[in-house]
């Protein structure tokens, strides 16, 4: 099975679009501003990606 077939099966579309959600600095990293800030930003960004009709989200922590 090709990779594109696996993604098509998971997302039920031929060519899924995956958006990236970058977290602001987490606990222990310079610039950490608290968990509330992390969650607020993540929810706002996830909603924007959803409104853009993406098929999935890849969550990435900072720094990567």
PDB file of N, CA and C in Angstrom:
ATOM      1  N   UNK A   1       0.846  -1.181   0.000  1.00  0.00           N
ATOM      2  CA  UNK A   1       0.000   0.000   0.000  1.00  0.00           C
ATOM      3  C   UNK A   1       0.893   1.247   0.000  1.00  0.00           C
ATOM      4  N   UNK A   2       0.600   2.193  -0.853  1.00  0.00           N
ATOM      5  CA  UNK A   2       1.366   3.434  -0.914  1.00  0.00           C
ATOM      6  C   UNK A   2       0.968   4.352   0.240  1.00  0.00           C
ATOM      7  N   UNK A   3       1.908   5.247   0.615  1.00  0.00           N
ATOM      8  CA  UNK A   3       1.632   6.192   1.701  1.00  0.00           C
ATOM      9  C   UNK A   3       0.391   7.030   1.412  1.00  0.00           C
ATOM     10  N   UNK A   4       0.236   7.452   0.173  1.00  0.00           N
ATOM     11  CA  UNK A   4      -0.930   8.273  -0.159  1.00  0.00           C
ATOM     12  C   UNK A   4      -2.222   7.495   0.026  1.00  0.00           C
ATOM     13  N   UNK A   5      -2.172   6.191  -0.191  1.00  0.00           N
ATOM     14  CA  UNK A   5      -3.365   5.369   0.030  1.00  0.00           C
ATOM     15  C   UNK A   5      -3.721   5.319   1.518  1.00  0.00           C
ATOM     16  N   UNK A   6      -2.726   5.226   2.365  1.00  0.00           N
ATOM     17  CA  UNK A   6      -2.958   5.185   3.806  1.00  0.00           C
ATOM     18  C   UNK A   6      -3.590   6.492   4.262  1.00  0.00           C
ATOM     19  N   UNK A   7      -3.029   7.618   3.819  1.00  0.00           N
ATOM     20  CA  UNK A   7      -3.594   8.915   4.202  1.00  0.00           C
ATOM     21  C   UNK A   7      -5.011   9.078   3.672  1.00  0.00           C
ATOM     22  N   UNK A   8      -5.255   8.627   2.460  1.00  0.00           N
ATOM     23  CA  UNK A   8      -6.594   8.723   1.884  1.00  0.00           C
ATOM     24  C   UNK A   8      -7.582   7.901   2.705  1.00  0.00           C
ATOM     25  N   UNK A   9      -7.128   6.765   3.194  1.00  0.00           N
ATOM     26  CA  UNK A   9      -7.997   5.917   4.010  1.00  0.00           C
ATOM     27  C   UNK A   9      -8.281   6.558   5.370  1.00  0.00           C
ATOM     28  N   UNK A  10      -7.261   7.158   5.970  1.00  0.00           N
ATOM     29  CA  UNK A  10      -7.430   7.787   7.285  1.00  0.00           C
ATOM     30  C   UNK A  10      -8.346   9.002   7.198  1.00  0.00           C
ATOM     31  N   UNK A  11      -8.112   9.852   6.187  1.00  0.00           N
ATOM     32  CA  UNK A  11      -8.828  11.116   6.107  1.00  0.00           C
ATOM     33  C   UNK A  11     -10.016  11.099   5.163  1.00  0.00           C
ATOM     34  N   UNK A  12     -10.201  10.023   4.433  1.00  0.00           N
ATOM     35  CA  UNK A  12     -11.341   9.862   3.526  1.00  0.00           C
ATOM     36  C   UNK A  12     -11.369  10.921   2.417  1.00  0.00           C
ATOM     37  N   UNK A  13     -10.184  11.358   1.971  1.00  0.00           N
ATOM     38  CA  UNK A  13     -10.023  12.241   0.818  1.00  0.00           C
ATOM     39  C   UNK A  13      -8.800  11.766   0.045  1.00  0.00           C
ATOM     40  N   UNK A  14      -8.726  12.091  -1.251  1.00  0.00           N
ATOM     41  CA  UNK A  14      -7.598  11.638  -2.064  1.00  0.00           C
ATOM     42  C   UNK A  14      -6.277  12.273  -1.649  1.00  0.00           C
ATOM     43  N   UNK A  15      -6.275  13.575  -1.431  1.00  0.00           N
ATOM     44  CA  UNK A  15      -5.054  14.290  -1.072  1.00  0.00           C
ATOM     45  C   UNK A  15      -5.326  15.170   0.155  1.00  0.00           C
ATOM     46  N   UNK A  16      -5.167  14.599   1.353  1.00  0.00           N
ATOM     47  CA  UNK A  16      -5.462  15.374   2.564  1.00  0.00           C
ATOM     48  C   UNK A  16      -4.486  16.532   2.755  1.00  0.00           C
ATOM     49  N   UNK A  17      -4.982  17.602   3.323  1.00  0.00           N
ATOM     50  CA  UNK A  17      -4.165  18.766   3.657  1.00  0.00           C
ATOM     51  C   UNK A  17      -3.973  18.766   5.173  1.00  0.00           C
ATOM     52  N   UNK A  18      -2.703  18.747   5.605  1.00  0.00           N
ATOM     53  CA  UNK A  18      -2.379  18.704   7.020  1.00  0.00           C
ATOM     54  C   UNK A  18      -1.826  20.071   7.422  1.00  0.00           C
ATOM     55  N   UNK A  19      -2.446  20.696   8.417  1.00  0.00           N
ATOM     56  CA  UNK A  19      -1.985  21.981   8.910  1.00  0.00           C
ATOM     57  C   UNK A  19      -1.048  21.796  10.089  1.00  0.00           C
ATOM     58  N   UNK A  20      -0.184  22.769  10.331  1.00  0.00           N
ATOM     59  CA  UNK A  20       0.753  22.723  11.457  1.00  0.00           C
ATOM     60  C   UNK A  20       0.303  23.676  12.555  1.00  0.00           C
ATOM     61  N   UNK A  21       0.252  23.175  13.756  1.00  0.00           N
ATOM     62  CA  UNK A  21      -0.093  23.981  14.922  1.00  0.00           C
ATOM     63  C   UNK A  21       1.164  24.072  15.784  1.00  0.00           C
ATOM     64  N   UNK A  22       1.765  25.249  15.832  1.00  0.00           N
ATOM     65  CA  UNK A  22       2.990  25.472  16.605  1.00  0.00           C
ATOM     66  C   UNK A  22       2.632  25.991  17.992  1.00  0.00           C
ATOM     67  N   UNK A  23       3.133  25.305  19.014  1.00  0.00           N
ATOM     68  CA  UNK A  23       2.920  25.761  20.380  1.00  0.00           C
ATOM     69  C   UNK A  23       3.931  26.842  20.725  1.00  0.00           C
ATOM     70  N   UNK A  24       3.502  27.852  21.504  1.00  0.00           N
ATOM     71  CA  UNK A  24       4.443  28.837  22.034  1.00  0.00           C
ATOM     72  C   UNK A  24       5.349  28.096  23.023  1.00  0.00           C
ATOM     73  N   UNK A  25       6.438  28.708  23.494  1.00  0.00           N
ATOM     74  CA  UNK A  25       7.367  28.007  24.390  1.00  0.00           C
ATOM     75  C   UNK A  25       6.664  27.342  25.576  1.00  0.00           C
ATOM     76  N   UNK A  26       7.013  26.095  25.811  1.00  0.00           N
ATOM     77  CA  UNK A  26       6.429  25.319  26.895  1.00  0.00           C
ATOM     78  C   UNK A  26       7.250  25.456  28.172  1.00  0.00           C
ATOM     79  N   UNK A  27       6.747  24.900  29.261  1.00  0.00           N
ATOM     80  CA  UNK A  27       7.402  24.942  30.566  1.00  0.00           C
ATOM     81  C   UNK A  27       8.850  24.475  30.434  1.00  0.00           C
ATOM     82  N   UNK A  28       9.769  25.267  30.958  1.00  0.00           N
ATOM     83  CA  UNK A  28      11.182  24.922  30.911  1.00  0.00           C
ATOM     84  C   UNK A  28      11.942  25.607  29.793  1.00  0.00           C
ATOM     85  N   UNK A  29      11.234  26.253  28.867  1.00  0.00           N
ATOM     86  CA  UNK A  29      11.880  26.953  27.766  1.00  0.00           C
ATOM     87  C   UNK A  29      11.787  28.464  27.965  1.00  0.00           C
ATOM     88  N   UNK A  30      12.802  29.170  27.486  1.00  0.00           N
ATOM     89  CA  UNK A  30      12.803  30.624  27.552  1.00  0.00           C
ATOM     90  C   UNK A  30      11.566  31.163  26.841  1.00  0.00           C
ATOM     91  N   UNK A  31      10.881  32.084  27.450  1.00  0.00           N
ATOM     92  CA  UNK A  31       9.695  32.678  26.850  1.00  0.00           C
ATOM     93  C   UNK A  31       8.393  32.040  27.309  1.00  0.00           C
ATOM     94  N   UNK A  32       8.472  31.029  28.187  1.00  0.00           N
ATOM     95  CA  UNK A  32       7.254  30.397  28.707  1.00  0.00           C
ATOM     96  C   UNK A  32       6.416  31.438  29.429  1.00  0.00           C
ATOM     97  N   UNK A  33       5.150  31.574  29.033  1.00  0.00           N
ATOM     98  CA  UNK A  33       4.267  32.593  29.609  1.00  0.00           C
ATOM     99  C   UNK A  33       3.085  32.006  30.365  1.00  0.00           C
ATOM    100  N   UNK A  34       3.077  30.712  30.574  1.00  0.00           N
ATOM    101  CA  UNK A  34       2.002  30.072  31.319  1.00  0.00           C
ATOM    102  C   UNK A  34       1.145  29.169  30.446  1.00  0.00           C
ATOM    103  N   UNK A  35       0.516  28.204  31.103  1.00  0.00           N
ATOM    104  CA  UNK A  35      -0.280  27.215  30.378  1.00  0.00           C
ATOM    105  C   UNK A  35      -1.539  27.810  29.761  1.00  0.00           C
ATOM    106  N   UNK A  36      -2.110  28.814  30.411  1.00  0.00           N
ATOM    107  CA  UNK A  36      -3.306  29.445  29.859  1.00  0.00           C
ATOM    108  C   UNK A  36      -2.995  30.071  28.495  1.00  0.00           C
ATOM    109  N   UNK A  37      -1.852  30.716  28.391  1.00  0.00           N
ATOM    110  CA  UNK A  37      -1.422  31.325  27.119  1.00  0.00           C
ATOM    111  C   UNK A  37      -1.233  30.248  26.050  1.00  0.00           C
ATOM    112  N   UNK A  38      -0.629  29.129  26.434  1.00  0.00           N
ATOM    113  CA  UNK A  38      -0.413  28.020  25.500  1.00  0.00           C
ATOM    114  C   UNK A  38      -1.746  27.513  24.975  1.00  0.00           C
ATOM    115  N   UNK A  39      -2.672  27.251  25.878  1.00  0.00           N
ATOM    116  CA  UNK A  39      -3.977  26.720  25.471  1.00  0.00           C
ATOM    117  C   UNK A  39      -4.775  27.726  24.649  1.00  0.00           C
ATOM    118  N   UNK A  40      -4.766  28.984  25.053  1.00  0.00           N
ATOM    119  CA  UNK A  40      -5.486  30.011  24.293  1.00  0.00           C
ATOM    120  C   UNK A  40      -4.988  30.088  22.851  1.00  0.00           C
ATOM    121  N   UNK A  41      -3.664  30.122  22.698  1.00  0.00           N
ATOM    122  CA  UNK A  41      -3.086  30.196  21.353  1.00  0.00           C
ATOM    123  C   UNK A  41      -3.375  28.938  20.542  1.00  0.00           C
ATOM    124  N   UNK A  42      -3.244  27.772  21.175  1.00  0.00           N
ATOM    125  CA  UNK A  42      -3.467  26.510  20.468  1.00  0.00           C
ATOM    126  C   UNK A  42      -4.918  26.393  19.993  1.00  0.00           C
ATOM    127  N   UNK A  43      -5.858  26.760  20.840  1.00  0.00           N
ATOM    128  CA  UNK A  43      -7.274  26.682  20.464  1.00  0.00           C
ATOM    129  C   UNK A  43      -7.585  27.668  19.344  1.00  0.00           C
ATOM    130  N   UNK A  44      -7.072  28.886  19.458  1.00  0.00           N
ATOM    131  CA  UNK A  44      -7.290  29.892  18.418  1.00  0.00           C
ATOM    132  C   UNK A  44      -6.733  29.415  17.073  1.00  0.00           C
ATOM    133  N   UNK A  45      -5.512  28.888  17.087  1.00  0.00           N
ATOM    134  CA  UNK A  45      -4.892  28.415  15.849  1.00  0.00           C
ATOM    135  C   UNK A  45      -5.609  27.197  15.280  1.00  0.00           C
ATOM    136  N   UNK A  46      -6.024  26.271  16.147  1.00  0.00           N
ATOM    137  CA  UNK A  46      -6.735  25.077  15.681  1.00  0.00           C
ATOM    138  C   UNK A  46      -8.070  25.456  15.043  1.00  0.00           C
ATOM    139  N   UNK A  47      -8.763  26.415  15.618  1.00  0.00           N
ATOM    140  CA  UNK A  47     -10.034  26.862  15.028  1.00  0.00           C
ATOM    141  C   UNK A  47      -9.807  27.519  13.674  1.00  0.00           C
ATOM    142  N   UNK A  48      -8.740  28.300  13.551  1.00  0.00           N
ATOM    143  CA  UNK A  48      -8.424  28.939  12.264  1.00  0.00           C
ATOM    144  C   UNK A  48      -8.107  27.876  11.210  1.00  0.00           C
ATOM    145  N   UNK A  49      -7.371  26.848  11.593  1.00  0.00           N
ATOM    146  CA  UNK A  49      -7.068  25.766  10.654  1.00  0.00           C
ATOM    147  C   UNK A  49      -8.345  25.032  10.249  1.00  0.00           C
ATOM    148  N   UNK A  50      -9.205  24.779  11.214  1.00  0.00           N
ATOM    149  CA  UNK A  50     -10.473  24.102  10.929  1.00  0.00           C
ATOM    150  C   UNK A  50     -11.330  24.933   9.972  1.00  0.00           C
ATOM    151  N   UNK A  51     -11.393  26.239  10.199  1.00  0.00           N
ATOM    152  CA  UNK A  51     -12.166  27.115   9.320  1.00  0.00           C
ATOM    153  C   UNK A  51     -11.580  27.149   7.907  1.00  0.00           C
ATOM    154  N   UNK A  52     -10.282  26.878   7.800  1.00  0.00           N
ATOM    155  CA  UNK A  52      -9.626  26.816   6.497  1.00  0.00           C
ATOM    156  C   UNK A  52      -9.825  25.483   5.797  1.00  0.00           C
ATOM    157  N   UNK A  53     -10.628  24.617   6.385  1.00  0.00           N
ATOM    158  CA  UNK A  53     -11.009  23.322   5.793  1.00  0.00           C
ATOM    159  C   UNK A  53      -9.847  22.353   5.617  1.00  0.00           C
ATOM    160  N   UNK A  54      -8.910  22.344   6.572  1.00  0.00           N
ATOM    161  CA  UNK A  54      -7.851  21.354   6.496  1.00  0.00           C
ATOM    162  C   UNK A  54      -8.396  20.007   6.962  1.00  0.00           C
ATOM    163  N   UNK A  55      -7.653  18.945   6.669  1.00  0.00           N
ATOM    164  CA  UNK A  55      -8.105  17.600   7.005  1.00  0.00           C
ATOM    165  C   UNK A  55      -7.513  17.071   8.310  1.00  0.00           C
ATOM    166  N   UNK A  56      -6.363  17.605   8.723  1.00  0.00           N
ATOM    167  CA  UNK A  56      -5.705  17.140   9.939  1.00  0.00           C
ATOM    168  C   UNK A  56      -4.768  18.201  10.475  1.00  0.00           C
ATOM    169  N   UNK A  57      -4.317  17.992  11.714  1.00  0.00           N
ATOM    170  CA  UNK A  57      -3.407  18.939  12.361  1.00  0.00           C
ATOM    171  C   UNK A  57      -2.191  18.189  12.889  1.00  0.00           C
ATOM    172  N   UNK A  58      -1.013  18.743  12.608  1.00  0.00           N
ATOM    173  CA  UNK A  58       0.249  18.242  13.138  1.00  0.00           C
ATOM    174  C   UNK A  58       0.691  19.227  14.223  1.00  0.00           C
ATOM    175  N   UNK A  59       0.778  18.760  15.471  1.00  0.00           N
ATOM    176  CA  UNK A  59       1.156  19.640  16.578  1.00  0.00           C
ATOM    177  C   UNK A  59       2.666  19.627  16.764  1.00  0.00           C
ATOM    178  N   UNK A  60       3.260  20.829  16.832  1.00  0.00           N
ATOM    179  CA  UNK A  60       4.705  20.970  16.922  1.00  0.00           C
ATOM    180  C   UNK A  60       5.031  21.866  18.109  1.00  0.00           C
ATOM    181  N   UNK A  61       5.971  21.406  18.939  1.00  0.00           N
ATOM    182  CA  UNK A  61       6.376  22.212  20.086  1.00  0.00           C
ATOM    183  C   UNK A  61       7.534  23.115  19.699  1.00  0.00           C
ATOM    184  N   UNK A  62       7.673  24.214  20.423  1.00  0.00           N
ATOM    185  CA  UNK A  62       8.740  25.171  20.193  1.00  0.00           C
ATOM    186  C   UNK A  62       9.727  25.061  21.342  1.00  0.00           C
ATOM    187  N   UNK A  63      11.002  25.129  21.157  1.00  0.00           N
ATOM    188  CA  UNK A  63      11.675  25.129  19.853  1.00  0.00           C
ATOM    189  C   UNK A  63      11.741  23.709  19.316  1.00  0.00           C
ATOM    190  N   UNK A  64      11.786  23.619  18.003  1.00  0.00           N
ATOM    191  CA  UNK A  64      11.814  22.280  17.392  1.00  0.00           C
ATOM    192  C   UNK A  64      13.154  21.996  16.774  1.00  0.00           C
TER     193      UNK A  64
END
